[in-house]
Amino acid sequence: MSNTERNKKLFGRRIEQLKVIVEDESYIPKGSSNGYHDFVKSMYLALISGRKITPKMESAITKIVKSYAKTLNPEYRKEKLDYTENTIAKLNMIKRRLDECNYTRNYTSEKLYFLESIEKQVYSRGSLSIKQRKALNKMYTQFTKKIGKNEKFEKKIEKVKKSLDFNENMS
């Protein structure tokens, strides 16, 4: 019995499942160069080409199938969509705060680049790491403080302008 036949006999169901996953364009878009998508395809090719499947490969294939099944669950999809919308709204709020801070153009563009890369990840992966969330919280706090300082500074300027307003003092 050849390796291909052996794999078909042992992993027939997994081969069919991976075939469905690989052919699902909503899960793996055509021409995708995502590392995970390449991995899924390589596991499928390993099964159909008759390559020896190690226990580690087998558990990876099982994980692929389980995570794909999870994405088909409507509740999971709704949760992901809600998370994405909520996170994007928060990112937009941070961007508005950054704009209100009147930082230098260079500093603002660096922060916007970071925020846009985070936004791209939220759309593609639907999640953020703890470090990313902490960085966003830190930015929000920093920008809020800066806006508060700017407002205090503007009030001081108004007071000074009023005290220097010669027309008002002369009458």
C-alpha atoms as a PDB file:
ATOM      1  CA  MET A   1       0.000   0.000   0.000  1.00  0.00           C
ATOM      2  CA  SER A   2       1.430   3.410  -1.004  1.00  0.00           C
ATOM      3  CA  ASN A   3       1.668   6.369   1.360  1.00  0.00           C
ATOM      4  CA  THR A   4      -1.072   8.192  -0.555  1.00  0.00           C
ATOM      5  CA  GLU A   5      -3.465   5.275  -0.122  1.00  0.00           C
ATOM      6  CA  ARG A   6      -2.498   4.932   3.529  1.00  0.00           C
ATOM      7  CA  ASN A   7      -3.215   8.635   4.150  1.00  0.00           C
ATOM      8  CA  LYS A   8      -6.568   8.332   2.345  1.00  0.00           C
ATOM      9  CA  LYS A   9      -7.474   5.385   4.541  1.00  0.00           C
ATOM     10  CA  LEU A  10      -6.297   6.949   7.830  1.00  0.00           C
ATOM     11  CA  PHE A  11      -7.200  10.600   7.172  1.00  0.00           C
ATOM     12  CA  GLY A  12      -9.970  10.381   4.570  1.00  0.00           C
ATOM     13  CA  ARG A  13     -12.326  12.592   6.550  1.00  0.00           C
ATOM     14  CA  ARG A  14      -9.622  15.165   7.335  1.00  0.00           C
ATOM     15  CA  ILE A  15      -8.641  15.284   3.655  1.00  0.00           C
ATOM     16  CA  GLU A  16     -12.251  16.070   2.713  1.00  0.00           C
ATOM     17  CA  GLN A  17     -12.519  18.688   5.468  1.00  0.00           C
ATOM     18  CA  LEU A  18      -9.268  20.384   4.458  1.00  0.00           C
ATOM     19  CA  LYS A  19     -10.352  20.335   0.811  1.00  0.00           C
ATOM     20  CA  VAL A  20     -13.515  22.247   1.772  1.00  0.00           C
ATOM     21  CA  ILE A  21     -11.445  24.705   3.839  1.00  0.00           C
ATOM     22  CA  VAL A  22      -8.894  25.303   1.063  1.00  0.00           C
ATOM     23  CA  GLU A  23     -11.655  25.819  -1.522  1.00  0.00           C
ATOM     24  CA  ASP A  24     -13.649  28.230   0.681  1.00  0.00           C
ATOM     25  CA  GLU A  25     -12.709  31.644  -0.758  1.00  0.00           C
ATOM     26  CA  SER A  26     -14.331  33.521   2.109  1.00  0.00           C
ATOM     27  CA  TYR A  27     -11.890  31.790   4.486  1.00  0.00           C
ATOM     28  CA  ILE A  28      -8.808  31.655   2.247  1.00  0.00           C
ATOM     29  CA  PRO A  29      -9.054  34.305  -0.507  1.00  0.00           C
ATOM     30  CA  LYS A  30      -7.506  33.515  -3.915  1.00  0.00           C
ATOM     31  CA  GLY A  31      -3.884  34.628  -4.094  1.00  0.00           C
ATOM     32  CA  SER A  32      -3.605  35.038  -0.332  1.00  0.00           C
ATOM     33  CA  SER A  33      -0.040  35.155   0.955  1.00  0.00           C
ATOM     34  CA  ASN A  34      -1.068  34.959   4.614  1.00  0.00           C
ATOM     35  CA  GLY A  35       1.265  32.588   6.515  1.00  0.00           C
ATOM     36  CA  TYR A  36      -1.629  30.729   8.131  1.00  0.00           C
ATOM     37  CA  HIS A  37      -3.352  30.202   4.774  1.00  0.00           C
ATOM     38  CA  ASP A  38      -0.102  28.853   3.318  1.00  0.00           C
ATOM     39  CA  PHE A  39       0.191  26.496   6.292  1.00  0.00           C
ATOM     40  CA  VAL A  40      -3.360  25.181   5.790  1.00  0.00           C
ATOM     41  CA  LYS A  41      -2.607  24.535   2.115  1.00  0.00           C
ATOM     42  CA  SER A  42       0.679  22.795   2.943  1.00  0.00           C
ATOM     43  CA  MET A  43      -1.063  20.479   5.435  1.00  0.00           C
ATOM     44  CA  TYR A  44      -3.659  19.616   2.783  1.00  0.00           C
ATOM     45  CA  LEU A  45      -0.915  18.926   0.224  1.00  0.00           C
ATOM     46  CA  ALA A  46       0.966  16.781   2.760  1.00  0.00           C
ATOM     47  CA  LEU A  47      -2.138  14.626   3.224  1.00  0.00           C
ATOM     48  CA  ILE A  48      -2.972  14.176  -0.463  1.00  0.00           C
ATOM     49  CA  SER A  49       0.627  13.727  -1.628  1.00  0.00           C
ATOM     50  CA  GLY A  50       1.226  10.802   0.729  1.00  0.00           C
ATOM     51  CA  ARG A  51       3.719  12.487   3.017  1.00  0.00           C
ATOM     52  CA  LYS A  52       4.154  10.854   6.419  1.00  0.00           C
ATOM     53  CA  ILE A  53       1.899  12.610   8.938  1.00  0.00           C
ATOM     54  CA  THR A  54       3.474  13.070  12.361  1.00  0.00           C
ATOM     55  CA  PRO A  55       1.397  13.376  15.555  1.00  0.00           C
ATOM     56  CA  LYS A  56       2.276  17.086  15.657  1.00  0.00           C
ATOM     57  CA  MET A  57       1.008  17.554  12.090  1.00  0.00           C
ATOM     58  CA  GLU A  58      -2.134  15.605  12.925  1.00  0.00           C
ATOM     59  CA  SER A  59      -2.895  17.848  15.911  1.00  0.00           C
ATOM     60  CA  ALA A  60      -2.252  20.942  13.751  1.00  0.00           C
ATOM     61  CA  ILE A  61      -4.716  19.640  11.148  1.00  0.00           C
ATOM     62  CA  THR A  62      -7.302  19.013  13.871  1.00  0.00           C
ATOM     63  CA  LYS A  63      -6.777  22.579  15.130  1.00  0.00           C
ATOM     64  CA  ILE A  64      -7.271  23.947  11.602  1.00  0.00           C
ATOM     65  CA  VAL A  65     -10.578  22.101  11.241  1.00  0.00           C
ATOM     66  CA  LYS A  66     -11.787  23.195  14.700  1.00  0.00           C
ATOM     67  CA  SER A  67     -10.958  26.862  14.108  1.00  0.00           C
ATOM     68  CA  TYR A  68     -12.671  26.749  10.699  1.00  0.00           C
ATOM     69  CA  ALA A  69     -15.766  25.189  12.277  1.00  0.00           C
ATOM     70  CA  LYS A  70     -15.748  27.972  14.873  1.00  0.00           C
ATOM     71  CA  THR A  71     -15.779  30.649  12.142  1.00  0.00           C
ATOM     72  CA  LEU A  72     -18.899  29.070  10.652  1.00  0.00           C
ATOM     73  CA  ASN A  73     -20.777  29.518  13.947  1.00  0.00           C
ATOM     74  CA  PRO A  74     -23.112  32.567  13.562  1.00  0.00           C
ATOM     75  CA  GLU A  75     -22.751  33.546  17.247  1.00  0.00           C
ATOM     76  CA  TYR A  76     -18.956  33.561  16.938  1.00  0.00           C
ATOM     77  CA  ARG A  77     -19.181  35.650  13.757  1.00  0.00           C
ATOM     78  CA  LYS A  78     -21.477  38.149  15.476  1.00  0.00           C
ATOM     79  CA  GLU A  79     -19.108  38.414  18.460  1.00  0.00           C
ATOM     80  CA  LYS A  80     -16.143  39.002  16.139  1.00  0.00           C
ATOM     81  CA  LEU A  81     -18.070  41.625  14.170  1.00  0.00           C
ATOM     82  CA  ASP A  82     -19.174  43.395  17.372  1.00  0.00           C
ATOM     83  CA  TYR A  83     -15.595  43.340  18.684  1.00  0.00           C
ATOM     84  CA  THR A  84     -14.282  44.730  15.400  1.00  0.00           C
ATOM     85  CA  GLU A  85     -16.856  47.539  15.248  1.00  0.00           C
ATOM     86  CA  ASN A  86     -16.308  48.444  18.908  1.00  0.00           C
ATOM     87  CA  THR A  87     -12.519  48.461  18.550  1.00  0.00           C
ATOM     88  CA  ILE A  88     -12.605  50.540  15.352  1.00  0.00           C
ATOM     89  CA  ALA A  89     -14.871  53.086  17.084  1.00  0.00           C
ATOM     90  CA  LYS A  90     -12.357  53.322  19.946  1.00  0.00           C
ATOM     91  CA  LEU A  91      -9.457  53.702  17.493  1.00  0.00           C
ATOM     92  CA  ASN A  92     -11.304  56.535  15.737  1.00  0.00           C
ATOM     93  CA  MET A  93     -11.839  58.225  19.105  1.00  0.00           C
ATOM     94  CA  ILE A  94      -8.094  57.999  19.821  1.00  0.00           C
ATOM     95  CA  LYS A  95      -7.364  59.445  16.348  1.00  0.00           C
ATOM     96  CA  ARG A  96      -9.694  62.397  17.054  1.00  0.00           C
ATOM     97  CA  ARG A  97      -7.963  62.976  20.395  1.00  0.00           C
ATOM     98  CA  LEU A  98      -4.571  62.898  18.658  1.00  0.00           C
ATOM     99  CA  ASP A  99      -5.823  65.495  16.187  1.00  0.00           C
ATOM    100  CA  GLU A 100      -7.045  67.747  19.032  1.00  0.00           C
ATOM    101  CA  CYS A 101      -3.646  67.624  20.786  1.00  0.00           C
ATOM    102  CA  ASN A 102      -1.838  69.826  18.237  1.00  0.00           C
ATOM    103  CA  TYR A 103       1.356  67.762  18.347  1.00  0.00           C
ATOM    104  CA  THR A 104       4.048  68.271  15.705  1.00  0.00           C
ATOM    105  CA  ARG A 105       3.272  66.936  12.254  1.00  0.00           C
ATOM    106  CA  ASN A 106       6.016  64.292  12.496  1.00  0.00           C
ATOM    107  CA  TYR A 107       4.839  62.971  15.890  1.00  0.00           C
ATOM    108  CA  THR A 108       1.222  62.927  14.718  1.00  0.00           C
ATOM    109  CA  SER A 109       2.089  60.989  11.552  1.00  0.00           C
ATOM    110  CA  GLU A 110       4.077  58.399  13.559  1.00  0.00           C
ATOM    111  CA  LYS A 111       1.139  57.838  15.903  1.00  0.00           C
ATOM    112  CA  LEU A 112      -1.326  57.683  12.994  1.00  0.00           C
ATOM    113  CA  TYR A 113       0.866  55.075  11.282  1.00  0.00           C
ATOM    114  CA  PHE A 114       0.740  52.941  14.443  1.00  0.00           C
ATOM    115  CA  LEU A 115      -3.032  53.393  14.825  1.00  0.00           C
ATOM    116  CA  GLU A 116      -3.644  52.467  11.185  1.00  0.00           C
ATOM    117  CA  SER A 117      -1.516  49.324  11.502  1.00  0.00           C
ATOM    118  CA  ILE A 118      -3.569  48.352  14.569  1.00  0.00           C
ATOM    119  CA  GLU A 119      -6.768  49.029  12.606  1.00  0.00           C
ATOM    120  CA  LYS A 120      -5.536  46.817   9.764  1.00  0.00           C
ATOM    121  CA  GLN A 121      -4.865  44.007  12.239  1.00  0.00           C
ATOM    122  CA  VAL A 122      -8.306  44.349  13.827  1.00  0.00           C
ATOM    123  CA  TYR A 123      -9.896  43.927  10.393  1.00  0.00           C
ATOM    124  CA  SER A 124      -7.678  40.996   9.372  1.00  0.00           C
ATOM    125  CA  ARG A 125      -7.387  39.049  12.656  1.00  0.00           C
ATOM    126  CA  GLY A 126     -10.239  40.380  14.717  1.00  0.00           C
ATOM    127  CA  SER A 127      -8.109  40.634  17.842  1.00  0.00           C
ATOM    128  CA  LEU A 128      -5.391  42.609  19.605  1.00  0.00           C
ATOM    129  CA  SER A 129      -2.636  41.464  21.933  1.00  0.00           C
ATOM    130  CA  ILE A 130      -2.498  42.616  25.545  1.00  0.00           C
ATOM    131  CA  LYS A 131       0.549  44.794  24.739  1.00  0.00           C
ATOM    132  CA  GLN A 132      -1.322  46.481  21.897  1.00  0.00           C
ATOM    133  CA  ARG A 133      -4.338  47.176  24.112  1.00  0.00           C
ATOM    134  CA  LYS A 134      -2.062  48.599  26.831  1.00  0.00           C
ATOM    135  CA  ALA A 135      -0.334  50.834  24.267  1.00  0.00           C
ATOM    136  CA  LEU A 136      -3.712  52.114  23.055  1.00  0.00           C
ATOM    137  CA  ASN A 137      -4.858  52.800  26.632  1.00  0.00           C
ATOM    138  CA  LYS A 138      -1.610  54.665  27.280  1.00  0.00           C
ATOM    139  CA  MET A 139      -2.082  56.764  24.126  1.00  0.00           C
ATOM    140  CA  TYR A 140      -5.675  57.593  25.082  1.00  0.00           C
ATOM    141  CA  THR A 141      -4.600  58.701  28.573  1.00  0.00           C
ATOM    142  CA  GLN A 142      -1.684  60.728  27.190  1.00  0.00           C
ATOM    143  CA  PHE A 143      -3.838  62.496  24.593  1.00  0.00           C
ATOM    144  CA  THR A 144      -6.598  63.234  27.113  1.00  0.00           C
ATOM    145  CA  LYS A 145      -4.058  64.819  29.505  1.00  0.00           C
ATOM    146  CA  LYS A 146      -2.552  66.860  26.663  1.00  0.00           C
ATOM    147  CA  ILE A 147      -5.995  68.162  25.658  1.00  0.00           C
ATOM    148  CA  GLY A 148      -6.646  69.149  29.291  1.00  0.00           C
ATOM    149  CA  LYS A 149      -3.313  71.003  29.448  1.00  0.00           C
ATOM    150  CA  ASN A 150      -4.055  72.758  26.140  1.00  0.00           C
ATOM    151  CA  GLU A 151      -7.438  73.917  27.459  1.00  0.00           C
ATOM    152  CA  LYS A 152      -5.869  75.274  30.675  1.00  0.00           C
ATOM    153  CA  PHE A 153      -3.197  77.033  28.623  1.00  0.00           C
ATOM    154  CA  GLU A 154      -5.827  78.585  26.336  1.00  0.00           C
ATOM    155  CA  LYS A 155      -7.766  79.864  29.374  1.00  0.00           C
ATOM    156  CA  LYS A 156      -4.584  81.485  30.735  1.00  0.00           C
ATOM    157  CA  ILE A 157      -3.986  83.137  27.372  1.00  0.00           C
ATOM    158  CA  GLU A 158      -7.556  84.477  27.402  1.00  0.00           C
ATOM    159  CA  LYS A 159      -7.007  85.968  30.882  1.00  0.00           C
ATOM    160  CA  VAL A 160      -3.765  87.595  29.785  1.00  0.00           C
ATOM    161  CA  LYS A 161      -5.440  88.965  26.637  1.00  0.00           C
ATOM    162  CA  LYS A 162      -8.279  90.427  28.715  1.00  0.00           C
ATOM    163  CA  SER A 163      -5.834  92.073  31.107  1.00  0.00           C
ATOM    164  CA  LEU A 164      -3.908  93.503  28.140  1.00  0.00           C
ATOM    165  CA  ASP A 165      -7.017  94.710  26.308  1.00  0.00           C
ATOM    166  CA  PHE A 166      -6.418  98.474  26.371  1.00  0.00           C
ATOM    167  CA  ASN A 167      -9.863  99.448  25.109  1.00  0.00           C
ATOM    168  CA  GLU A 168     -11.537  97.739  28.062  1.00  0.00           C
ATOM    169  CA  ASN A 169      -9.217  99.332  30.657  1.00  0.00           C
ATOM    170  CA  MET A 170      -9.600 102.867  29.268  1.00  0.00           C
ATOM    171  CA  SER A 171     -13.362 103.163  29.620  1.00  0.00           C
END
